Amino acid sequence: MIARVSGKLLSKDTAHAVIDVGGIGYAVQIPLTTFYELPDEGNPVALYTHTHVREDAITLFGFLRQRDRDLFQLLISVSGFGPRLALNILSGISREELSRAVLEGDAKRLVNIPGVGRKMSERLIFEMREKIGKLPPGEGEAPCRPGEDEDLVRMRREAASALVNLGYRTALAETAIEKVFRKGEPVPSLDVLLKESLRILAG
């Protein structure tokens, strides 16, 4: 099973991304939420992937965040929910909204997603309600980036989580953190990263 793909982004559209890994182009199907955050073509990118195997095809589904990949795998475990429908759901509703709708039993929110009817939304809630609460927290999880060591990845995630706990939205927190790293200067500690990020957010 291919669990992660890291390389240069050759091309992208609202449904697919092609990543060059050592001269081999991997076609990865993606939700809109991933498409919106992909870098420009030609830049490095890394995606957490799910490998779907059928008799006639092997298909990769990719996500910038591990929790999104985990949620996708949880969706396809529901009876009658295949990868295409799961991808459609993740394109039509945010991770946080989906979790809230399932935990609160809000079937009306789910039927607004194209392809999900009343019966399917009720089945999704019934089968996922207990499982979805067991997923690791996703707030503040920074996108996967190629070439970063584990300490930097951990620092990004801890900083994003701290900023979210202070009341900043996840997207704003991650943008500020990225700006700090783009300065080209080494980030020596989590404290420095937080201070610089807060300075950016205050500006």
Protein backbone atom coordinates (compact mmCIF):
# COMPACT_ATOMS: atom_id res chain seq x y z
CA MET A 1 0.00 0.00 0.00
CA ILE A 2 1.26 3.49 -0.89
CA ALA A 3 0.67 5.66 2.20
CA ARG A 4 2.51 8.84 1.21
CA VAL A 5 3.72 10.43 -2.03
CA SER A 6 6.34 13.19 -2.02
CA GLY A 7 7.81 14.94 -5.05
CA LYS A 8 7.28 17.76 -7.56
CA LEU A 9 3.75 18.82 -8.50
CA LEU A 10 3.57 18.41 -12.28
CA SER A 11 -0.07 19.35 -12.77
CA LYS A 12 -3.31 19.83 -10.87
CA ASP A 13 -7.00 20.37 -11.42
CA THR A 14 -10.06 20.21 -9.17
CA ALA A 15 -10.09 16.41 -9.18
CA HIS A 16 -6.50 15.24 -9.76
CA ALA A 17 -2.87 15.99 -9.06
CA VAL A 18 0.13 14.47 -10.82
CA ILE A 19 3.29 14.20 -8.71
CA ASP A 20 6.73 13.41 -10.12
CA VAL A 21 8.53 11.01 -7.78
CA GLY A 22 11.97 10.09 -9.11
CA GLY A 23 10.88 10.46 -12.72
CA ILE A 24 7.60 8.59 -12.28
CA GLY A 25 4.36 10.58 -12.41
CA TYR A 26 1.78 9.45 -9.87
CA ALA A 27 -1.82 10.46 -10.65
CA VAL A 28 -3.65 11.12 -7.38
CA GLN A 29 -7.35 11.86 -7.03
CA ILE A 30 -8.04 14.68 -4.55
CA PRO A 31 -11.00 16.47 -2.93
CA LEU A 32 -11.57 20.18 -3.51
CA THR A 33 -10.33 20.93 0.00
CA THR A 34 -6.92 19.57 -0.97
CA PHE A 35 -6.92 21.27 -4.38
CA TYR A 36 -7.42 24.71 -2.79
CA GLU A 37 -4.24 24.29 -0.70
CA LEU A 38 -1.91 22.76 -3.26
CA PRO A 39 1.16 24.82 -4.20
CA ASP A 40 1.75 26.08 -7.73
CA GLU A 41 2.81 23.56 -10.35
CA GLY A 42 6.53 22.88 -10.28
CA ASN A 43 6.79 23.16 -6.50
CA PRO A 44 7.42 20.32 -4.06
CA VAL A 45 4.39 18.70 -2.44
CA ALA A 46 3.62 15.71 -0.25
CA LEU A 47 0.29 13.94 0.13
CA TYR A 48 -0.97 11.30 2.52
CA THR A 49 -2.52 8.66 0.27
CA HIS A 50 -4.99 5.81 0.31
CA THR A 51 -4.41 3.03 -2.21
CA HIS A 52 -7.62 1.57 -3.62
CA VAL A 53 -7.18 -1.73 -5.43
CA ARG A 54 -9.71 -3.25 -7.82
CA GLU A 55 -9.40 -6.05 -10.34
CA ASP A 56 -8.96 -3.59 -13.19
CA ALA A 57 -7.25 -0.61 -11.54
CA ILE A 58 -5.12 0.74 -8.70
CA THR A 59 -6.16 4.26 -7.70
CA LEU A 60 -4.49 6.71 -5.32
CA PHE A 61 -6.49 9.21 -3.29
CA GLY A 62 -4.45 12.02 -1.72
CA PHE A 63 -4.78 14.53 1.12
CA LEU A 64 -2.50 17.20 2.56
CA ARG A 65 -3.38 16.21 6.11
CA GLN A 66 -3.28 12.79 7.67
CA ARG A 67 -6.57 13.32 9.49
CA ASP A 68 -8.34 13.98 6.17
CA ARG A 69 -6.96 10.69 4.86
CA ASP A 70 -8.11 8.94 8.04
CA LEU A 71 -11.59 10.46 7.67
CA PHE A 72 -11.74 9.33 4.04
CA GLN A 73 -10.88 5.78 5.11
CA LEU A 74 -13.56 5.95 7.76
CA LEU A 75 -16.13 7.06 5.18
CA ILE A 76 -15.40 4.17 2.82
CA SER A 77 -15.86 1.75 5.71
CA VAL A 78 -19.56 2.71 5.80
CA SER A 79 -21.79 0.24 3.98
CA GLY A 80 -22.54 1.47 0.45
CA PHE A 81 -19.95 4.27 0.51
CA GLY A 82 -17.21 3.92 -2.10
CA PRO A 83 -14.11 6.09 -2.69
CA ARG A 84 -15.83 8.35 -5.24
CA LEU A 85 -18.69 9.20 -2.91
CA ALA A 86 -16.30 9.68 0.03
CA LEU A 87 -14.22 12.10 -2.05
CA ASN A 88 -17.38 13.94 -3.07
CA ILE A 89 -18.40 14.29 0.59
CA LEU A 90 -15.02 15.70 1.58
CA SER A 91 -15.28 18.16 -1.32
CA GLY A 92 -18.71 19.34 -0.21
CA ILE A 93 -18.21 19.75 3.53
CA SER A 94 -15.28 20.59 5.78
CA ARG A 95 -13.77 18.02 8.11
CA GLU A 96 -15.04 19.93 11.15
CA GLU A 97 -18.58 20.32 9.77
CA LEU A 98 -18.79 16.64 8.87
CA SER A 99 -17.64 15.57 12.33
CA ARG A 100 -20.14 17.93 13.96
CA ALA A 101 -23.02 16.75 11.77
CA VAL A 102 -22.29 13.10 12.52
CA LEU A 103 -21.88 13.60 16.28
CA GLU A 104 -25.04 15.73 16.49
CA GLY A 105 -27.04 13.45 14.20
CA ASP A 106 -27.71 16.32 11.79
CA ALA A 107 -28.93 14.38 8.74
CA LYS A 108 -30.32 17.55 7.14
CA ARG A 109 -26.82 19.00 6.87
CA LEU A 110 -25.54 15.88 5.14
CA VAL A 111 -28.31 15.58 2.54
CA ASN A 112 -27.23 18.95 1.15
CA ILE A 113 -24.10 17.24 -0.18
CA PRO A 114 -24.57 16.06 -3.80
CA GLY A 115 -24.93 12.29 -3.94
CA VAL A 116 -26.01 11.85 -0.33
CA GLY A 117 -29.70 11.18 0.21
CA ARG A 118 -31.72 10.83 3.41
CA LYS A 119 -31.13 7.10 3.86
CA MET A 120 -27.42 7.39 3.14
CA SER A 121 -27.00 10.27 5.57
CA GLU A 122 -28.77 8.33 8.31
CA ARG A 123 -26.61 5.26 7.63
CA LEU A 124 -23.47 7.41 7.72
CA ILE A 125 -24.44 8.88 11.09
CA PHE A 126 -25.35 5.47 12.52
CA GLU A 127 -22.12 3.77 11.46
CA MET A 128 -19.70 6.65 12.05
CA ARG A 129 -20.93 8.28 15.28
CA GLU A 130 -18.84 6.15 17.62
CA LYS A 131 -15.85 5.83 15.30
CA ILE A 132 -15.42 9.50 14.38
CA GLY A 133 -14.83 10.55 17.97
CA LYS A 134 -11.85 8.19 18.16
CA LEU A 135 -9.92 9.94 15.39
CA PRO A 136 -6.96 11.99 16.71
CA PRO A 137 -7.57 15.74 17.01
CA GLY A 138 -7.21 17.53 13.69
CA GLU A 139 -7.33 21.19 14.67
CA GLY A 140 -4.03 22.85 14.03
CA GLU A 141 -2.59 19.96 12.05
CA ALA A 142 -0.13 21.45 9.59
CA PRO A 143 -0.03 20.21 5.99
CA CYS A 144 2.45 17.51 5.09
CA ARG A 145 5.59 18.93 3.45
CA PRO A 146 8.36 17.05 1.67
CA GLY A 147 11.88 17.15 3.00
CA GLU A 148 11.07 18.32 6.53
CA ASP A 149 12.43 16.36 9.43
CA GLU A 150 10.12 15.14 12.18
CA ASP A 151 11.16 17.89 14.63
CA LEU A 152 10.09 20.64 12.21
CA VAL A 153 6.83 18.87 11.40
CA ARG A 154 6.10 18.50 15.12
CA MET A 155 6.98 22.15 15.74
CA ARG A 156 4.58 23.27 13.00
CA ARG A 157 1.75 21.21 14.41
CA GLU A 158 2.31 22.30 18.01
CA ALA A 159 2.47 25.95 16.98
CA ALA A 160 -0.70 25.69 14.88
CA SER A 161 -2.51 23.92 17.71
CA ALA A 162 -1.46 26.63 20.20
CA LEU A 163 -2.64 29.42 17.88
CA VAL A 164 -5.99 27.69 17.31
CA ASN A 165 -6.41 27.36 21.08
CA LEU A 166 -5.87 31.11 21.31
CA GLY A 167 -8.85 31.61 19.04
CA TYR A 168 -7.27 31.97 15.59
CA ARG A 169 -8.77 30.03 12.70
CA THR A 170 -6.74 27.07 11.49
CA ALA A 171 -6.14 28.52 8.01
CA LEU A 172 -4.90 31.86 9.43
CA ALA A 173 -2.64 30.11 11.92
CA GLU A 174 -1.07 27.91 9.24
CA THR A 175 -0.58 30.88 6.90
CA ALA A 176 1.25 32.84 9.60
CA ILE A 177 3.48 29.86 10.42
CA GLU A 178 4.32 29.41 6.75
CA LYS A 179 5.31 33.09 6.47
CA VAL A 180 7.74 32.64 9.36
CA PHE A 181 9.43 29.73 7.61
CA ARG A 182 9.54 31.58 4.30
CA LYS A 183 11.83 34.22 5.79
CA GLY A 184 14.66 31.81 5.15
CA GLU A 185 16.05 32.01 8.68
CA PRO A 186 16.29 28.92 10.90
CA VAL A 187 13.49 28.66 13.48
CA PRO A 188 15.34 27.64 16.65
CA SER A 189 12.40 26.85 18.93
CA LEU A 190 8.63 26.62 19.30
CA ASP A 191 8.62 29.81 21.40
CA VAL A 192 10.26 31.81 18.62
CA LEU A 193 7.88 30.36 16.03
CA LEU A 194 4.87 31.32 18.16
CA LYS A 195 6.15 34.85 18.82
CA GLU A 196 6.86 35.50 15.14
CA SER A 197 3.52 34.00 14.09
CA LEU A 198 1.62 36.13 16.61
CA ARG A 199 3.45 39.20 15.35
CA ILE A 200 2.30 38.41 11.81
CA LEU A 201 -1.27 37.75 12.94
CA ALA A 202 -1.33 41.04 14.89
CA GLY A 203 -0.19 42.97 11.83
